[in-house]
Protein backbone atom coordinates (compact mmCIF):
# COMPACT_ATOMS: atom_id res chain seq x y z
CA MET A 1 57.19 16.77 -14.24
CA GLY A 2 56.15 20.13 -13.92
CA ASN A 3 53.37 22.97 -14.75
CA THR A 4 54.57 25.91 -16.75
CA ILE A 5 51.48 27.97 -15.70
CA THR A 6 52.13 27.51 -11.94
CA ARG A 7 55.84 27.03 -12.57
CA THR A 8 56.28 24.19 -10.04
CA ALA A 9 57.87 21.00 -10.29
CA GLN A 10 57.21 17.55 -8.52
CA PRO A 11 58.79 14.16 -8.75
CA LEU A 12 57.21 11.57 -11.17
CA THR A 13 59.25 8.38 -11.25
CA THR A 14 62.74 7.07 -11.95
CA VAL A 15 63.38 5.27 -15.06
CA SER A 16 65.73 2.25 -14.20
CA ALA A 17 66.46 -0.13 -16.70
CA SER A 18 69.73 -2.17 -17.50
CA ASP A 19 70.30 -0.89 -20.96
CA ALA A 20 69.58 2.23 -23.22
CA ARG A 21 67.02 0.57 -25.34
CA GLU A 22 65.05 -0.31 -22.35
CA ARG A 23 65.31 3.18 -20.82
CA LEU A 24 64.33 4.92 -23.96
CA ALA A 25 61.08 2.52 -24.14
CA ALA A 26 60.44 3.52 -20.50
CA ILE A 27 60.75 7.18 -21.42
CA ALA A 28 58.68 6.64 -24.53
CA ASP A 29 55.97 5.29 -22.30
CA LEU A 30 56.05 8.28 -20.10
CA VAL A 31 55.91 10.64 -22.97
CA THR A 32 52.89 8.92 -24.35
CA GLN A 33 51.14 8.85 -20.97
CA TRP A 34 51.88 12.73 -20.03
CA GLN A 35 52.36 14.46 -23.58
CA PRO A 36 54.86 17.02 -22.32
CA GLN A 37 55.32 20.20 -24.24
CA MET A 38 59.03 19.95 -23.61
CA LEU A 39 61.75 18.03 -21.73
CA VAL A 40 64.54 19.17 -19.35
CA VAL A 41 67.70 17.27 -19.04
CA GLY A 42 70.09 17.77 -16.25
CA VAL A 43 73.68 18.25 -17.30
CA PRO A 44 76.46 17.42 -14.80
CA VAL A 45 79.52 19.53 -14.44
CA HIS A 46 82.24 19.93 -12.09
CA ALA A 47 81.47 22.24 -9.09
CA ASP A 48 83.35 24.96 -10.82
CA GLY A 49 81.19 24.70 -13.98
CA THR A 50 83.63 22.90 -16.30
CA PRO A 51 82.66 20.11 -18.17
CA HIS A 52 83.45 16.50 -17.68
CA ALA A 53 82.87 12.96 -19.31
CA MET A 54 79.24 12.80 -18.07
CA THR A 55 78.42 16.20 -19.30
CA ALA A 56 78.97 15.16 -23.14
CA ARG A 57 76.77 11.99 -22.27
CA ALA A 58 73.91 14.08 -20.85
CA ARG A 59 74.05 16.49 -23.88
CA ASP A 60 74.02 13.52 -26.19
CA PHE A 61 71.14 11.97 -24.39
CA ALA A 62 69.30 15.49 -24.80
CA HIS A 63 69.80 15.20 -28.40
CA ASP A 64 68.59 11.68 -28.64
CA LEU A 65 65.32 12.63 -26.77
CA ALA A 66 64.83 15.63 -29.09
CA THR A 67 65.06 13.60 -32.24
CA ARG A 68 63.29 10.49 -31.05
CA PHE A 69 60.30 12.45 -29.53
CA ALA A 70 60.36 15.41 -31.89
CA ILE A 71 60.02 17.61 -28.86
CA SER A 72 62.22 20.46 -27.71
CA VAL A 73 64.61 19.38 -25.10
CA HIS A 74 66.42 21.95 -22.74
CA LEU A 75 69.32 21.70 -20.64
CA ALA A 76 69.72 22.65 -16.96
CA ASP A 77 72.84 22.87 -14.60
CA GLU A 78 72.45 19.71 -12.15
CA ARG A 79 75.34 20.84 -9.81
CA HIS A 80 74.70 19.84 -6.25
CA THR A 81 71.14 18.54 -6.89
CA THR A 82 71.73 15.09 -5.76
CA ALA A 83 73.24 16.45 -2.33
CA LEU A 84 70.26 18.86 -1.82
CA ALA A 85 67.91 15.86 -2.68
CA GLN A 86 69.51 13.80 0.00
CA SER A 87 69.21 16.45 2.80
CA ALA A 88 65.73 16.99 2.03
CA LEU A 89 64.89 13.30 2.34
CA ASP A 90 67.04 13.09 5.59
CA ALA A 91 65.17 16.35 6.80
CA ALA A 92 61.78 14.67 5.93
CA GLY A 93 62.88 11.50 7.89
CA ALA A 94 63.00 9.51 4.86
CA GLY A 95 66.75 9.49 4.12
CA ARG A 96 66.89 5.73 3.66
CA LYS A 97 64.41 5.35 0.82
CA GLY A 98 67.24 4.68 -1.52
CA ARG A 99 68.69 6.10 -4.81
CA ALA A 100 65.42 5.89 -6.68
CA ALA A 101 63.67 8.50 -4.17
CA ARG A 102 66.71 10.67 -4.11
CA ASP A 103 66.95 10.70 -8.09
CA GLU A 104 63.20 11.70 -8.24
CA ILE A 105 63.76 14.42 -5.68
CA ALA A 106 66.96 15.65 -7.55
CA ALA A 107 65.04 15.65 -10.92
CA GLN A 108 62.43 17.91 -8.92
CA ILE A 109 65.26 20.08 -7.91
CA ILE A 110 66.64 20.62 -11.50
CA LEU A 111 63.22 21.30 -12.79
CA GLN A 112 62.29 23.73 -10.17
CA GLY A 113 65.64 25.60 -10.71
CA TRP A 114 65.01 25.77 -14.54
CA PHE A 115 61.57 27.36 -13.79
CA ASP A 116 63.04 29.64 -11.03
CA ASP A 117 65.57 30.77 -13.56
CA GLY A 118 62.88 32.18 -15.53
CA HIS A 119 62.45 29.59 -18.21
CA THR A 120 59.10 28.16 -19.44
């Protein structure tokens, strides 16, 4: 989650569910609780910026969120964020916290990068 006034991001939680319906229900709970003005979805691409199979899935997911919640959804490049997140956890001595912690930090990095690029 982030603050558009201070332009800062922080991790919130990892949504983990076994199927798409459960994931969307968990996201709906978060949207209801936090009432965000917009959502930012990380878009995976190859290191050189070319799309791959997950790129289309992320774009479809963003479209589904926009349709379901009637809220603007922005896309952000997520290249290298998982590695950066793992490095941050390792540096903090928390490298063994697991995938959920790594994904939360990666999401924070994606959103902070979006803010740093001048978006609001």
